Amino acid sequence: MSLYRPSTRPWRLLGQPLQQQQQQQQQQQQQQQQRQQQQQQQQQQQQQQQQQQQQQQQQQQQQQQQQQQQEHISVFA
C-alpha cells in the first residue's frame, strides 16, 4: 500500500495544469473578439467623418451660387 499512494499523486498534479491552460486560451479568444469589435467601431467613425466632409462641400457650393446671384442683380440695377 505504501508504494501505491505515491504513484497516484503525480497524476493529480498533472491534471491541474491542463485546466489552467484551457482557461487561458478562452481568455485570449475573448480578448481577440473585443479587439475586432473595437476595429469595427473605428471604421464606423471614419465613415461618419467622410459624410461630414461631404456636407461641408455642399454648403460651400450653395454659398458660391448665392454670390453669383447677387452679382447679376447688381449688373441689372
PDB file of N, CA and C in Angstrom:
ATOM      1  N   MET A   1       0.834  -1.212   0.000  1.00  0.00           N
ATOM      2  CA  MET A   1       0.000   0.000   0.000  1.00  0.00           C
ATOM      3  C   MET A   1       0.867   1.261   0.000  1.00  0.00           C
ATOM      4  N   SER A   2       2.024   1.171   0.623  1.00  0.00           N
ATOM      5  CA  SER A   2       2.881   2.359   0.711  1.00  0.00           C
ATOM      6  C   SER A   2       3.436   2.736  -0.671  1.00  0.00           C
ATOM      7  N   LEU A   3       3.618   1.744  -1.549  1.00  0.00           N
ATOM      8  CA  LEU A   3       4.113   2.034  -2.890  1.00  0.00           C
ATOM      9  C   LEU A   3       2.995   2.567  -3.794  1.00  0.00           C
ATOM     10  N   TYR A   4       1.766   2.248  -3.525  1.00  0.00           N
ATOM     11  CA  TYR A   4       0.638   2.636  -4.382  1.00  0.00           C
ATOM     12  C   TYR A   4       0.267   4.117  -4.220  1.00  0.00           C
ATOM     13  N   ARG A   5       0.395   4.641  -3.026  1.00  0.00           N
ATOM     14  CA  ARG A   5      -0.015   6.024  -2.777  1.00  0.00           C
ATOM     15  C   ARG A   5       0.816   7.064  -3.543  1.00  0.00           C
ATOM     16  N   PRO A   6       2.152   6.964  -3.553  1.00  0.00           N
ATOM     17  CA  PRO A   6       2.921   7.989  -4.280  1.00  0.00           C
ATOM     18  C   PRO A   6       2.624   8.020  -5.783  1.00  0.00           C
ATOM     19  N   SER A   7       2.260   6.892  -6.362  1.00  0.00           N
ATOM     20  CA  SER A   7       2.019   6.850  -7.802  1.00  0.00           C
ATOM     21  C   SER A   7       0.749   7.618  -8.187  1.00  0.00           C
ATOM     22  N   THR A   8      -0.203   7.767  -7.276  1.00  0.00           N
ATOM     23  CA  THR A   8      -1.443   8.478  -7.602  1.00  0.00           C
ATOM     24  C   THR A   8      -1.252   9.998  -7.531  1.00  0.00           C
ATOM     25  N   ARG A   9      -0.320  10.462  -6.774  1.00  0.00           N
ATOM     26  CA  ARG A   9      -0.144  11.907  -6.606  1.00  0.00           C
ATOM     27  C   ARG A   9       0.293  12.627  -7.895  1.00  0.00           C
ATOM     28  N   PRO A  10       1.275  12.101  -8.632  1.00  0.00           N
ATOM     29  CA  PRO A  10       1.682  12.806  -9.864  1.00  0.00           C
ATOM     30  C   PRO A  10       0.543  12.976 -10.871  1.00  0.00           C
ATOM     31  N   TRP A  11      -0.365  12.038 -10.948  1.00  0.00           N
ATOM     32  CA  TRP A  11      -1.478  12.139 -11.898  1.00  0.00           C
ATOM     33  C   TRP A  11      -2.381  13.310 -11.535  1.00  0.00           C
ATOM     34  N   ARG A  12      -2.614  13.496 -10.255  1.00  0.00           N
ATOM     35  CA  ARG A  12      -3.456  14.618  -9.828  1.00  0.00           C
ATOM     36  C   ARG A  12      -2.775  15.947 -10.134  1.00  0.00           C
ATOM     37  N   LEU A  13      -1.456  15.997  -9.959  1.00  0.00           N
ATOM     38  CA  LEU A  13      -0.714  17.228 -10.231  1.00  0.00           C
ATOM     39  C   LEU A  13      -0.723  17.544 -11.729  1.00  0.00           C
ATOM     40  N   LEU A  14      -0.653  16.508 -12.556  1.00  0.00           N
ATOM     41  CA  LEU A  14      -0.666  16.727 -13.998  1.00  0.00           C
ATOM     42  C   LEU A  14      -2.039  17.204 -14.476  1.00  0.00           C
ATOM     43  N   GLY A  15      -3.080  16.797 -13.793  1.00  0.00           N
ATOM     44  CA  GLY A  15      -4.431  17.176 -14.209  1.00  0.00           C
ATOM     45  C   GLY A  15      -4.719  18.653 -14.013  1.00  0.00           C
ATOM     46  N   GLN A  16      -4.121  19.286 -13.061  1.00  0.00           N
ATOM     47  CA  GLN A  16      -4.423  20.687 -12.768  1.00  0.00           C
ATOM     48  C   GLN A  16      -3.906  21.661 -13.835  1.00  0.00           C
ATOM     49  N   PRO A  17      -2.664  21.528 -14.298  1.00  0.00           N
ATOM     50  CA  PRO A  17      -2.178  22.477 -15.303  1.00  0.00           C
ATOM     51  C   PRO A  17      -2.996  22.479 -16.587  1.00  0.00           C
ATOM     52  N   LEU A  18      -3.544  21.347 -16.967  1.00  0.00           N
ATOM     53  CA  LEU A  18      -4.341  21.288 -18.189  1.00  0.00           C
ATOM     54  C   LEU A  18      -5.555  22.208 -18.080  1.00  0.00           C
ATOM     55  N   GLN A  19      -6.213  22.207 -16.959  1.00  0.00           N
ATOM     56  CA  GLN A  19      -7.378  23.068 -16.768  1.00  0.00           C
ATOM     57  C   GLN A  19      -6.975  24.537 -16.830  1.00  0.00           C
ATOM     58  N   GLN A  20      -5.847  24.881 -16.269  1.00  0.00           N
ATOM     59  CA  GLN A  20      -5.387  26.266 -16.281  1.00  0.00           C
ATOM     60  C   GLN A  20      -5.101  26.722 -17.705  1.00  0.00           C
ATOM     61  N   GLN A  21      -4.492  25.860 -18.509  1.00  0.00           N
ATOM     62  CA  GLN A  21      -4.186  26.211 -19.888  1.00  0.00           C
ATOM     63  C   GLN A  21      -5.465  26.466 -20.679  1.00  0.00           C
ATOM     64  N   GLN A  22      -6.470  25.650 -20.488  1.00  0.00           N
ATOM     65  CA  GLN A  22      -7.732  25.835 -21.196  1.00  0.00           C
ATOM     66  C   GLN A  22      -8.361  27.173 -20.836  1.00  0.00           C
ATOM     67  N   GLN A  23      -8.318  27.544 -19.580  1.00  0.00           N
ATOM     68  CA  GLN A  23      -8.891  28.817 -19.163  1.00  0.00           C
ATOM     69  C   GLN A  23      -8.145  29.979 -19.802  1.00  0.00           C
ATOM     70  N   GLN A  24      -6.833  29.886 -19.894  1.00  0.00           N
ATOM     71  CA  GLN A  24      -6.044  30.945 -20.504  1.00  0.00           C
ATOM     72  C   GLN A  24      -6.397  31.092 -21.979  1.00  0.00           C
ATOM     73  N   GLN A  25      -6.577  30.004 -22.675  1.00  0.00           N
ATOM     74  CA  GLN A  25      -6.933  30.052 -24.088  1.00  0.00           C
ATOM     75  C   GLN A  25      -8.280  30.737 -24.281  1.00  0.00           C
ATOM     76  N   GLN A  26      -9.237  30.443 -23.444  1.00  0.00           N
ATOM     77  CA  GLN A  26     -10.548  31.076 -23.552  1.00  0.00           C
ATOM     78  C   GLN A  26     -10.438  32.577 -23.339  1.00  0.00           C
ATOM     79  N   GLN A  27      -9.627  33.005 -22.392  1.00  0.00           N
ATOM     80  CA  GLN A  27      -9.458  34.427 -22.142  1.00  0.00           C
ATOM     81  C   GLN A  27      -8.836  35.111 -23.350  1.00  0.00           C
ATOM     82  N   GLN A  28      -7.863  34.472 -23.988  1.00  0.00           N
ATOM     83  CA  GLN A  28      -7.231  35.048 -25.165  1.00  0.00           C
ATOM     84  C   GLN A  28      -8.241  35.207 -26.294  1.00  0.00           C
ATOM     85  N   GLN A  29      -9.100  34.244 -26.490  1.00  0.00           N
ATOM     86  CA  GLN A  29     -10.117  34.334 -27.533  1.00  0.00           C
ATOM     87  C   GLN A  29     -11.060  35.496 -27.262  1.00  0.00           C
ATOM     88  N   GLN A  30     -11.445  35.685 -26.027  1.00  0.00           N
ATOM     89  CA  GLN A  30     -12.326  36.794 -25.689  1.00  0.00           C
ATOM     90  C   GLN A  30     -11.653  38.127 -25.975  1.00  0.00           C
ATOM     91  N   GLN A  31     -10.373  38.246 -25.690  1.00  0.00           N
ATOM     92  CA  GLN A  31      -9.646  39.480 -25.964  1.00  0.00           C
ATOM     93  C   GLN A  31      -9.614  39.756 -27.456  1.00  0.00           C
ATOM     94  N   GLN A  32      -9.425  38.725 -28.266  1.00  0.00           N
ATOM     95  CA  GLN A  32      -9.411  38.907 -29.711  1.00  0.00           C
ATOM     96  C   GLN A  32     -10.768  39.398 -30.202  1.00  0.00           C
ATOM     97  N   GLN A  33     -11.841  38.870 -29.672  1.00  0.00           N
ATOM     98  CA  GLN A  33     -13.170  39.318 -30.068  1.00  0.00           C
ATOM     99  C   GLN A  33     -13.370  40.783 -29.709  1.00  0.00           C
ATOM    100  N   GLN A  34     -12.915  41.190 -28.553  1.00  0.00           N
ATOM    101  CA  GLN A  34     -13.046  42.579 -28.151  1.00  0.00           C
ATOM    102  C   GLN A  34     -12.260  43.483 -29.090  1.00  0.00           C
ATOM    103  N   ARG A  35     -11.080  43.048 -29.507  1.00  0.00           N
ATOM    104  CA  ARG A  35     -10.281  43.850 -30.431  1.00  0.00           C
ATOM    105  C   ARG A  35     -10.999  44.008 -31.762  1.00  0.00           C
ATOM    106  N   GLN A  36     -11.624  42.960 -32.245  1.00  0.00           N
ATOM    107  CA  GLN A  36     -12.358  43.041 -33.503  1.00  0.00           C
ATOM    108  C   GLN A  36     -13.502  44.040 -33.386  1.00  0.00           C
ATOM    109  N   GLN A  37     -14.199  44.042 -32.279  1.00  0.00           N
ATOM    110  CA  GLN A  37     -15.288  44.987 -32.087  1.00  0.00           C
ATOM    111  C   GLN A  37     -14.766  46.414 -32.092  1.00  0.00           C
ATOM    112  N   GLN A  38     -13.631  46.657 -31.493  1.00  0.00           N
ATOM    113  CA  GLN A  38     -13.053  47.991 -31.473  1.00  0.00           C
ATOM    114  C   GLN A  38     -12.704  48.433 -32.890  1.00  0.00           C
ATOM    115  N   GLN A  39     -12.176  47.547 -33.698  1.00  0.00           N
ATOM    116  CA  GLN A  39     -11.839  47.881 -35.072  1.00  0.00           C
ATOM    117  C   GLN A  39     -13.097  48.262 -35.851  1.00  0.00           C
ATOM    118  N   GLN A  40     -14.174  47.559 -35.654  1.00  0.00           N
ATOM    119  CA  GLN A  40     -15.421  47.874 -36.338  1.00  0.00           C
ATOM    120  C   GLN A  40     -15.910  49.257 -35.931  1.00  0.00           C
ATOM    121  N   GLN A  41     -15.807  49.598 -34.680  1.00  0.00           N
ATOM    122  CA  GLN A  41     -16.236  50.908 -34.223  1.00  0.00           C
ATOM    123  C   GLN A  41     -15.393  51.999 -34.871  1.00  0.00           C
ATOM    124  N   GLN A  42     -14.104  51.785 -35.013  1.00  0.00           N
ATOM    125  CA  GLN A  42     -13.234  52.767 -35.640  1.00  0.00           C
ATOM    126  C   GLN A  42     -13.637  52.967 -37.098  1.00  0.00           C
ATOM    127  N   GLN A  43     -13.971  51.922 -37.789  1.00  0.00           N
ATOM    128  CA  GLN A  43     -14.396  52.034 -39.181  1.00  0.00           C
ATOM    129  C   GLN A  43     -15.678  52.856 -39.280  1.00  0.00           C
ATOM    130  N   GLN A  44     -16.609  52.658 -38.380  1.00  0.00           N
ATOM    131  CA  GLN A  44     -17.840  53.428 -38.396  1.00  0.00           C
ATOM    132  C   GLN A  44     -17.555  54.905 -38.169  1.00  0.00           C
ATOM    133  N   GLN A  45     -16.649  55.228 -37.294  1.00  0.00           N
ATOM    134  CA  GLN A  45     -16.299  56.616 -37.040  1.00  0.00           C
ATOM    135  C   GLN A  45     -15.707  57.249 -38.290  1.00  0.00           C
ATOM    136  N   GLN A  46     -14.879  56.529 -39.011  1.00  0.00           N
ATOM    137  CA  GLN A  46     -14.287  57.052 -40.234  1.00  0.00           C
ATOM    138  C   GLN A  46     -15.376  57.344 -41.262  1.00  0.00           C
ATOM    139  N   GLN A  47     -16.359  56.494 -41.378  1.00  0.00           N
ATOM    140  CA  GLN A  47     -17.449  56.722 -42.319  1.00  0.00           C
ATOM    141  C   GLN A  47     -18.211  57.988 -41.947  1.00  0.00           C
ATOM    142  N   GLN A  48     -18.456  58.209 -40.688  1.00  0.00           N
ATOM    143  CA  GLN A  48     -19.161  59.403 -40.253  1.00  0.00           C
ATOM    144  C   GLN A  48     -18.365  60.652 -40.605  1.00  0.00           C
ATOM    145  N   GLN A  49     -17.067  60.619 -40.454  1.00  0.00           N
ATOM    146  CA  GLN A  49     -16.228  61.763 -40.787  1.00  0.00           C
ATOM    147  C   GLN A  49     -16.318  62.060 -42.277  1.00  0.00           C
ATOM    148  N   GLN A  50     -16.324  61.059 -43.105  1.00  0.00           N
ATOM    149  CA  GLN A  50     -16.438  61.254 -44.545  1.00  0.00           C
ATOM    150  C   GLN A  50     -17.776  61.911 -44.886  1.00  0.00           C
ATOM    151  N   GLN A  51     -18.846  61.507 -44.252  1.00  0.00           N
ATOM    152  CA  GLN A  51     -20.148  62.105 -44.503  1.00  0.00           C
ATOM    153  C   GLN A  51     -20.141  63.574 -44.117  1.00  0.00           C
ATOM    154  N   GLN A  52     -19.525  63.924 -43.029  1.00  0.00           N
ATOM    155  CA  GLN A  52     -19.456  65.311 -42.605  1.00  0.00           C
ATOM    156  C   GLN A  52     -18.691  66.142 -43.624  1.00  0.00           C
ATOM    157  N   GLN A  53     -17.624  65.622 -44.173  1.00  0.00           N
ATOM    158  CA  GLN A  53     -16.852  66.335 -45.179  1.00  0.00           C
ATOM    159  C   GLN A  53     -17.710  66.594 -46.420  1.00  0.00           C
ATOM    160  N   GLN A  54     -18.499  65.645 -46.831  1.00  0.00           N
ATOM    161  CA  GLN A  54     -19.368  65.825 -47.989  1.00  0.00           C
ATOM    162  C   GLN A  54     -20.384  66.932 -47.724  1.00  0.00           C
ATOM    163  N   GLN A  55     -20.937  66.987 -46.542  1.00  0.00           N
ATOM    164  CA  GLN A  55     -21.898  68.026 -46.211  1.00  0.00           C
ATOM    165  C   GLN A  55     -21.243  69.400 -46.269  1.00  0.00           C
ATOM    166  N   GLN A  56     -20.030  69.524 -45.814  1.00  0.00           N
ATOM    167  CA  GLN A  56     -19.326  70.797 -45.852  1.00  0.00           C
ATOM    168  C   GLN A  56     -19.122  71.240 -47.297  1.00  0.00           C
ATOM    169  N   GLN A  57     -18.790  70.345 -48.180  1.00  0.00           N
ATOM    170  CA  GLN A  57     -18.603  70.680 -49.586  1.00  0.00           C
ATOM    171  C   GLN A  57     -19.915  71.192 -50.186  1.00  0.00           C
ATOM    172  N   GLN A  58     -21.026  70.590 -49.854  1.00  0.00           N
ATOM    173  CA  GLN A  58     -22.316  71.034 -50.371  1.00  0.00           C
ATOM    174  C   GLN A  58     -22.620  72.449 -49.890  1.00  0.00           C
ATOM    175  N   GLN A  59     -22.333  72.760 -48.661  1.00  0.00           N
ATOM    176  CA  GLN A  59     -22.576  74.094 -48.138  1.00  0.00           C
ATOM    177  C   GLN A  59     -21.737  75.119 -48.884  1.00  0.00           C
ATOM    178  N   GLN A  60     -20.511  74.813 -49.203  1.00  0.00           N
ATOM    179  CA  GLN A  60     -19.648  75.728 -49.935  1.00  0.00           C
ATOM    180  C   GLN A  60     -20.226  75.998 -51.322  1.00  0.00           C
ATOM    181  N   GLN A  61     -20.742  75.004 -51.983  1.00  0.00           N
ATOM    182  CA  GLN A  61     -21.333  75.187 -53.303  1.00  0.00           C
ATOM    183  C   GLN A  61     -22.543  76.115 -53.219  1.00  0.00           C
ATOM    184  N   GLN A  62     -23.373  75.982 -52.217  1.00  0.00           N
ATOM    185  CA  GLN A  62     -24.534  76.844 -52.058  1.00  0.00           C
ATOM    186  C   GLN A  62     -24.105  78.292 -51.857  1.00  0.00           C
ATOM    187  N   GLN A  63     -23.075  78.536 -51.104  1.00  0.00           N
ATOM    188  CA  GLN A  63     -22.592  79.888 -50.877  1.00  0.00           C
ATOM    189  C   GLN A  63     -22.115  80.505 -52.184  1.00  0.00           C
ATOM    190  N   GLN A  64     -21.425  79.771 -53.015  1.00  0.00           N
ATOM    191  CA  GLN A  64     -20.942  80.277 -54.293  1.00  0.00           C
ATOM    192  C   GLN A  64     -22.120  80.663 -55.189  1.00  0.00           C
ATOM    193  N   GLN A  65     -23.164  79.879 -55.218  1.00  0.00           N
ATOM    194  CA  GLN A  65     -24.333  80.184 -56.040  1.00  0.00           C
ATOM    195  C   GLN A  65     -24.982  81.483 -55.571  1.00  0.00           C
ATOM    196  N   GLN A  66     -25.094  81.709 -54.297  1.00  0.00           N
ATOM    197  CA  GLN A  66     -25.696  82.928 -53.773  1.00  0.00           C
ATOM    198  C   GLN A  66     -24.872  84.145 -54.181  1.00  0.00           C
ATOM    199  N   GLN A  67     -23.576  84.051 -54.155  1.00  0.00           N
ATOM    200  CA  GLN A  67     -22.716  85.165 -54.533  1.00  0.00           C
ATOM    201  C   GLN A  67     -22.918  85.506 -56.007  1.00  0.00           C
ATOM    202  N   GLN A  68     -23.028  84.516 -56.863  1.00  0.00           N
ATOM    203  CA  GLN A  68     -23.231  84.756 -58.286  1.00  0.00           C
ATOM    204  C   GLN A  68     -24.564  85.470 -58.520  1.00  0.00           C
ATOM    205  N   GLN A  69     -25.609  85.094 -57.811  1.00  0.00           N
ATOM    206  CA  GLN A  69     -26.909  85.726 -57.976  1.00  0.00           C
ATOM    207  C   GLN A  69     -26.842  87.195 -57.576  1.00  0.00           C
ATOM    208  N   GLN A  70     -26.166  87.518 -56.533  1.00  0.00           N
ATOM    209  CA  GLN A  70     -26.052  88.899 -56.088  1.00  0.00           C
ATOM    210  C   GLN A  70     -25.319  89.731 -57.138  1.00  0.00           C
ATOM    211  N   GLU A  71     -24.312  89.174 -57.780  1.00  0.00           N
ATOM    212  CA  GLU A  71     -23.562  89.895 -58.807  1.00  0.00           C
ATOM    213  C   GLU A  71     -24.475  90.218 -59.990  1.00  0.00           C
ATOM    214  N   HIS A  72     -25.314  89.295 -60.392  1.00  0.00           N
ATOM    215  CA  HIS A  72     -26.223  89.521 -61.516  1.00  0.00           C
ATOM    216  C   HIS A  72     -27.194  90.645 -61.201  1.00  0.00           C
ATOM    217  N   ILE A  73     -27.705  90.676 -59.996  1.00  0.00           N
ATOM    218  CA  ILE A  73     -28.674  91.706 -59.613  1.00  0.00           C
ATOM    219  C   ILE A  73     -28.015  93.077 -59.693  1.00  0.00           C
ATOM    220  N   SER A  74     -26.773  93.179 -59.258  1.00  0.00           N
ATOM    221  CA  SER A  74     -26.098  94.476 -59.259  1.00  0.00           C
ATOM    222  C   SER A  74     -25.866  94.955 -60.691  1.00  0.00           C
ATOM    223  N   VAL A  75     -25.649  94.053 -61.634  1.00  0.00           N
ATOM    224  CA  VAL A  75     -25.432  94.440 -63.034  1.00  0.00           C
ATOM    225  C   VAL A  75     -26.725  95.003 -63.619  1.00  0.00           C
ATOM    226  N   PHE A  76     -27.879  94.377 -63.342  1.00  0.00           N
ATOM    227  CA  PHE A  76     -29.145  94.845 -63.909  1.00  0.00           C
ATOM    228  C   PHE A  76     -29.559  96.172 -63.289  1.00  0.00           C
ATOM    229  N   ALA A  77     -29.262  96.390 -62.043  1.00  0.00           N
ATOM    230  CA  ALA A  77     -29.650  97.627 -61.376  1.00  0.00           C
ATOM    231  C   ALA A  77     -28.823  98.768 -61.956  1.00  0.00           C
TER     232      ALA A  77
END
